[in-house]
C-alpha atoms as a PDB file:
ATOM      1  CA  UNK A   1    -292.214  36.069  76.423  1.00  0.00           C
ATOM      2  CA  UNK A   2    -292.154  39.218  78.222  1.00  0.00           C
ATOM      3  CA  UNK A   3    -291.298  37.447  81.532  1.00  0.00           C
ATOM      4  CA  UNK A   4    -288.067  35.710  79.846  1.00  0.00           C
ATOM      5  CA  UNK A   5    -287.096  39.221  78.531  1.00  0.00           C
ATOM      6  CA  UNK A   6    -287.170  40.657  81.892  1.00  0.00           C
ATOM      7  CA  UNK A   7    -285.315  37.636  83.524  1.00  0.00           C
ATOM      8  CA  UNK A   8    -282.674  37.748  80.913  1.00  0.00           C
ATOM      9  CA  UNK A   9    -282.212  41.476  81.194  1.00  0.00           C
ATOM     10  CA  UNK A  10    -281.958  41.071  85.087  1.00  0.00           C
ATOM     11  CA  UNK A  11    -279.319  38.196  84.667  1.00  0.00           C
ATOM     12  CA  UNK A  12    -277.341  40.251  82.204  1.00  0.00           C
ATOM     13  CA  UNK A  13    -277.397  43.356  84.748  1.00  0.00           C
ATOM     14  CA  UNK A  14    -276.183  41.167  87.646  1.00  0.00           C
ATOM     15  CA  UNK A  15    -273.313  39.808  85.556  1.00  0.00           C
ATOM     16  CA  UNK A  16    -272.239  43.093  84.261  1.00  0.00           C
ATOM     17  CA  UNK A  17    -272.475  44.530  87.961  1.00  0.00           C
ATOM     18  CA  UNK A  18    -270.493  41.835  89.295  1.00  0.00           C
ATOM     19  CA  UNK A  19    -267.852  42.249  86.756  1.00  0.00           C
ATOM     20  CA  UNK A  20    -267.554  45.822  87.257  1.00  0.00           C
ATOM     21  CA  UNK A  21    -267.248  45.637  91.047  1.00  0.00           C
ATOM     22  CA  UNK A  22    -264.500  42.884  90.577  1.00  0.00           C
ATOM     23  CA  UNK A  23    -262.645  45.056  88.021  1.00  0.00           C
ATOM     24  CA  UNK A  24    -262.845  48.068  90.444  1.00  0.00           C
ATOM     25  CA  UNK A  25    -261.659  46.194  93.422  1.00  0.00           C
ATOM     26  CA  UNK A  26    -258.663  44.820  91.600  1.00  0.00           C
ATOM     27  CA  UNK A  27    -257.727  48.141  90.222  1.00  0.00           C
ATOM     28  CA  UNK A  28    -258.170  50.180  93.481  1.00  0.00           C
ATOM     29  CA  UNK A  29    -257.327  47.781  96.227  1.00  0.00           C
ATOM     30  CA  UNK A  30    -253.736  46.860  96.892  1.00  0.00           C
ATOM     31  CA  UNK A  31    -252.937  43.191  96.113  1.00  0.00           C
ATOM     32  CA  UNK A  32    -250.611  40.771  97.937  1.00  0.00           C
ATOM     33  CA  UNK A  33    -247.665  39.625  96.000  1.00  0.00           C
ATOM     34  CA  UNK A  34    -246.932  35.941  95.913  1.00  0.00           C
ATOM     35  CA  UNK A  35    -243.523  34.889  95.196  1.00  0.00           C
ATOM     36  CA  UNK A  36    -242.347  31.298  94.724  1.00  0.00           C
ATOM     37  CA  UNK A  37    -238.845  30.640  94.250  1.00  0.00           C
ATOM     38  CA  UNK A  38    -238.118  27.682  92.071  1.00  0.00           C
ATOM     39  CA  UNK A  39    -234.643  26.257  93.088  1.00  0.00           C
ATOM     40  CA  UNK A  40    -232.796  23.332  91.541  1.00  0.00           C
ATOM     41  CA  UNK A  41    -230.473  23.164  94.501  1.00  0.00           C
ATOM     42  CA  UNK A  42    -230.961  21.847  98.046  1.00  0.00           C
ATOM     43  CA  UNK A  43    -230.354  25.110 100.205  1.00  0.00           C
ATOM     44  CA  UNK A  44    -228.773  22.971 102.990  1.00  0.00           C
ATOM     45  CA  UNK A  45    -226.113  21.288 100.732  1.00  0.00           C
ATOM     46  CA  UNK A  46    -223.141  23.619 100.599  1.00  0.00           C
ATOM     47  CA  UNK A  47    -221.751  22.112  97.373  1.00  0.00           C
ATOM     48  CA  UNK A  48    -225.148  22.547  95.691  1.00  0.00           C
ATOM     49  CA  UNK A  49    -225.530  26.149  96.874  1.00  0.00           C
ATOM     50  CA  UNK A  50    -221.968  26.993  95.903  1.00  0.00           C
ATOM     51  CA  UNK A  51    -222.628  25.434  92.356  1.00  0.00           C
ATOM     52  CA  UNK A  52    -225.776  27.492  91.852  1.00  0.00           C
ATOM     53  CA  UNK A  53    -224.480  30.771  93.017  1.00  0.00           C
ATOM     54  CA  UNK A  54    -222.583  33.129  90.743  1.00  0.00           C
ATOM     55  CA  UNK A  55    -220.412  34.202  93.705  1.00  0.00           C
ATOM     56  CA  UNK A  56    -219.315  32.708  96.937  1.00  0.00           C
ATOM     57  CA  UNK A  57    -217.622  34.776  99.320  1.00  0.00           C
ATOM     58  CA  UNK A  58    -216.866  35.937 102.903  1.00  0.00           C
ATOM     59  CA  UNK A  59    -217.972  39.368 103.917  1.00  0.00           C
ATOM     60  CA  UNK A  60    -218.675  41.496 107.071  1.00  0.00           C
ATOM     61  CA  UNK A  61    -221.929  43.453 107.311  1.00  0.00           C
ATOM     62  CA  UNK A  62    -221.236  47.244 107.542  1.00  0.00           C
ATOM     63  CA  UNK A  63    -224.809  48.512 107.869  1.00  0.00           C
ATOM     64  CA  UNK A  64    -228.507  47.901 107.101  1.00  0.00           C
ATOM     65  CA  UNK A  65    -229.630  50.041 104.226  1.00  0.00           C
ATOM     66  CA  UNK A  66    -233.420  49.321 104.722  1.00  0.00           C
ATOM     67  CA  UNK A  67    -236.210  47.588 102.799  1.00  0.00           C
ATOM     68  CA  UNK A  68    -236.816  48.030  99.041  1.00  0.00           C
ATOM     69  CA  UNK A  69    -239.055  46.040  96.485  1.00  0.00           C
ATOM     70  CA  UNK A  70    -236.809  44.922  93.613  1.00  0.00           C
ATOM     71  CA  UNK A  71    -238.498  42.989  90.668  1.00  0.00           C
ATOM     72  CA  UNK A  72    -241.482  42.612  92.819  1.00  0.00           C
ATOM     73  CA  UNK A  73    -239.670  41.105  95.720  1.00  0.00           C
ATOM     74  CA  UNK A  74    -239.710  42.942  99.021  1.00  0.00           C
ATOM     75  CA  UNK A  75    -235.917  42.866  99.991  1.00  0.00           C
ATOM     76  CA  UNK A  76    -233.719  43.856 103.013  1.00  0.00           C
ATOM     77  CA  UNK A  77    -230.618  45.782 101.738  1.00  0.00           C
ATOM     78  CA  UNK A  78    -227.177  45.584 103.400  1.00  0.00           C
ATOM     79  CA  UNK A  79    -223.920  47.223 102.778  1.00  0.00           C
ATOM     80  CA  UNK A  80    -221.245  44.489 103.082  1.00  0.00           C
ATOM     81  CA  UNK A  81    -217.372  44.579 102.831  1.00  0.00           C
ATOM     82  CA  UNK A  82    -216.034  41.650 100.828  1.00  0.00           C
ATOM     83  CA  UNK A  83    -213.224  39.712 102.325  1.00  0.00           C
ATOM     84  CA  UNK A  84    -212.146  36.390 100.771  1.00  0.00           C
ATOM     85  CA  UNK A  85    -213.664  35.375  97.476  1.00  0.00           C
ATOM     86  CA  UNK A  86    -214.265  31.640  96.940  1.00  0.00           C
ATOM     87  CA  UNK A  87    -216.049  31.886  93.662  1.00  0.00           C
ATOM     88  CA  UNK A  88    -216.514  34.876  91.257  1.00  0.00           C
ATOM     89  CA  UNK A  89    -215.425  38.419  91.054  1.00  0.00           C
ATOM     90  CA  UNK A  90    -216.996  40.500  93.733  1.00  0.00           C
ATOM     91  CA  UNK A  91    -214.766  43.074  95.418  1.00  0.00           C
ATOM     92  CA  UNK A  92    -215.006  46.249  97.796  1.00  0.00           C
ATOM     93  CA  UNK A  93    -218.092  47.090  99.529  1.00  0.00           C
ATOM     94  CA  UNK A  94    -221.355  46.025  97.854  1.00  0.00           C
ATOM     95  CA  UNK A  95    -225.069  46.005  98.392  1.00  0.00           C
ATOM     96  CA  UNK A  96    -226.562  42.635  99.300  1.00  0.00           C
ATOM     97  CA  UNK A  97    -230.216  41.812  99.377  1.00  0.00           C
ATOM     98  CA  UNK A  98    -232.222  38.971 101.039  1.00  0.00           C
ATOM     99  CA  UNK A  99    -235.710  38.291 100.972  1.00  0.00           C
ATOM    100  CA  UNK A 100    -237.778  40.335 103.567  1.00  0.00           C
ATOM    101  CA  UNK A 101    -238.968  37.971 106.223  1.00  0.00           C
ATOM    102  CA  UNK A 102    -235.715  35.950 106.364  1.00  0.00           C
ATOM    103  CA  UNK A 103    -233.644  36.350 109.485  1.00  0.00           C
ATOM    104  CA  UNK A 104    -231.813  39.864 109.708  1.00  0.00           C
ATOM    105  CA  UNK A 105    -228.184  39.942 109.386  1.00  0.00           C
ATOM    106  CA  UNK A 106    -226.358  41.298 112.331  1.00  0.00           C
ATOM    107  CA  UNK A 107    -224.126  44.633 111.848  1.00  0.00           C
ATOM    108  CA  UNK A 108    -220.465  43.951 112.406  1.00  0.00           C
ATOM    109  CA  UNK A 109    -220.834  40.028 111.928  1.00  0.00           C
ATOM    110  CA  UNK A 110    -219.216  38.109 109.160  1.00  0.00           C
ATOM    111  CA  UNK A 111    -221.032  35.581 106.677  1.00  0.00           C
ATOM    112  CA  UNK A 112    -220.236  33.430 103.855  1.00  0.00           C
ATOM    113  CA  UNK A 113    -222.686  34.599 101.067  1.00  0.00           C
ATOM    114  CA  UNK A 114    -223.804  32.629  98.113  1.00  0.00           C
ATOM    115  CA  UNK A 115    -224.993  35.437  95.736  1.00  0.00           C
ATOM    116  CA  UNK A 116    -226.326  36.183  92.242  1.00  0.00           C
ATOM    117  CA  UNK A 117    -226.601  39.451  90.459  1.00  0.00           C
ATOM    118  CA  UNK A 118    -229.789  41.509  90.044  1.00  0.00           C
ATOM    119  CA  UNK A 119    -230.619  42.590  86.465  1.00  0.00           C
ATOM    120  CA  UNK A 120    -229.919  46.126  87.378  1.00  0.00           C
ATOM    121  CA  UNK A 121    -226.377  46.552  88.716  1.00  0.00           C
ATOM    122  CA  UNK A 122    -227.404  49.310  91.015  1.00  0.00           C
ATOM    123  CA  UNK A 123    -229.535  46.729  92.986  1.00  0.00           C
ATOM    124  CA  UNK A 124    -226.697  44.792  93.842  1.00  0.00           C
ATOM    125  CA  UNK A 125    -226.285  41.039  94.521  1.00  0.00           C
ATOM    126  CA  UNK A 126    -229.126  38.939  96.060  1.00  0.00           C
ATOM    127  CA  UNK A 127    -228.475  35.929  98.298  1.00  0.00           C
ATOM    128  CA  UNK A 128    -229.165  32.835  96.396  1.00  0.00           C
ATOM    129  CA  UNK A 129    -233.005  31.836  96.496  1.00  0.00           C
ATOM    130  CA  UNK A 130    -233.813  29.840  99.723  1.00  0.00           C
ATOM    131  CA  UNK A 131    -230.079  29.737 100.921  1.00  0.00           C
ATOM    132  CA  UNK A 132    -229.184  31.786 103.906  1.00  0.00           C
ATOM    133  CA  UNK A 133    -225.890  33.638 104.406  1.00  0.00           C
ATOM    134  CA  UNK A 134    -223.733  31.230 106.694  1.00  0.00           C
ATOM    135  CA  UNK A 135    -222.427  32.725 109.930  1.00  0.00           C
ATOM    136  CA  UNK A 136    -218.570  32.730 109.723  1.00  0.00           C
ATOM    137  CA  UNK A 137    -216.818  35.146 112.039  1.00  0.00           C
ATOM    138  CA  UNK A 138    -213.295  33.378 111.516  1.00  0.00           C
ATOM    139  CA  UNK A 139    -212.471  31.338 108.449  1.00  0.00           C
ATOM    140  CA  UNK A 140    -209.607  29.610 110.352  1.00  0.00           C
ATOM    141  CA  UNK A 141    -211.780  27.817 112.742  1.00  0.00           C
ATOM    142  CA  UNK A 142    -212.556  24.115 112.281  1.00  0.00           C
ATOM    143  CA  UNK A 143    -215.613  23.599 109.924  1.00  0.00           C
ATOM    144  CA  UNK A 144    -218.645  21.903 111.423  1.00  0.00           C
ATOM    145  CA  UNK A 145    -219.807  20.955 108.317  1.00  0.00           C
ATOM    146  CA  UNK A 146    -218.101  18.683 105.737  1.00  0.00           C
ATOM    147  CA  UNK A 147    -218.375  17.517 102.112  1.00  0.00           C
ATOM    148  CA  UNK A 148    -217.976  13.929 101.065  1.00  0.00           C
ATOM    149  CA  UNK A 149    -214.133  13.271 101.105  1.00  0.00           C
ATOM    150  CA  UNK A 150    -213.301  16.557 102.768  1.00  0.00           C
ATOM    151  CA  UNK A 151    -210.513  16.301 105.277  1.00  0.00           C
ATOM    152  CA  UNK A 152    -211.766  15.789 109.036  1.00  0.00           C
ATOM    153  CA  UNK A 153    -209.453  18.701 110.119  1.00  0.00           C
ATOM    154  CA  UNK A 154    -210.563  21.317 107.311  1.00  0.00           C
ATOM    155  CA  UNK A 155    -211.427  24.920 108.481  1.00  0.00           C
ATOM    156  CA  UNK A 156    -214.387  26.963 107.520  1.00  0.00           C
ATOM    157  CA  UNK A 157    -212.523  28.623 104.639  1.00  0.00           C
ATOM    158  CA  UNK A 158    -210.993  25.309 103.363  1.00  0.00           C
ATOM    159  CA  UNK A 159    -214.625  24.025 103.389  1.00  0.00           C
ATOM    160  CA  UNK A 160    -215.762  26.859 101.149  1.00  0.00           C
ATOM    161  CA  UNK A 161    -212.930  26.900  98.914  1.00  0.00           C
ATOM    162  CA  UNK A 162    -213.449  23.114  98.350  1.00  0.00           C
ATOM    163  CA  UNK A 163    -217.300  23.209  97.845  1.00  0.00           C
ATOM    164  CA  UNK A 164    -216.815  26.286  95.493  1.00  0.00           C
ATOM    165  CA  UNK A 165    -214.647  24.234  93.135  1.00  0.00           C
ATOM    166  CA  UNK A 166    -211.476  25.951  94.095  1.00  0.00           C
ATOM    167  CA  UNK A 167    -209.700  23.814  96.765  1.00  0.00           C
ATOM    168  CA  UNK A 168    -206.517  25.445  98.522  1.00  0.00           C
ATOM    169  CA  UNK A 169    -203.262  24.294  97.342  1.00  0.00           C
ATOM    170  CA  UNK A 170    -201.720  21.435  99.083  1.00  0.00           C
ATOM    171  CA  UNK A 171    -199.230  22.473 101.825  1.00  0.00           C
END
């Protein structure tokens, strides 16, 4: 009986010690954050991207503002001047974020941005999950991608107006 008591006490000490070490490690060691975006759109389909985004607009990157973690997501921040808006109500110069690790945006270059707002307005607008800003230096050049039923001679600007649900008026 005495052997069982000693064995039980030893087992309890091992369990308590293991739990204590695990708790200590979790509380004192930095932990990697895993972020999985669940999307209901195909990030390569402009129509689906435009439908999922709150705003779709053309803008020019003014400067990089650095990295900041927002809502647990490491993000690259940029100051972007809004040009033509295809969907939504953005205007002026705004802060745009994209997930750290995505290709960096080039200062002075223009893109079509599909964005959604962060919960806190001060955090600006985030590029739609898994979508990338589309390089677009000039909205008047022929579009290289076309949606079904889109005219063969449409421009980049006409393409984004069409997929955003706001086709340009007929000429």
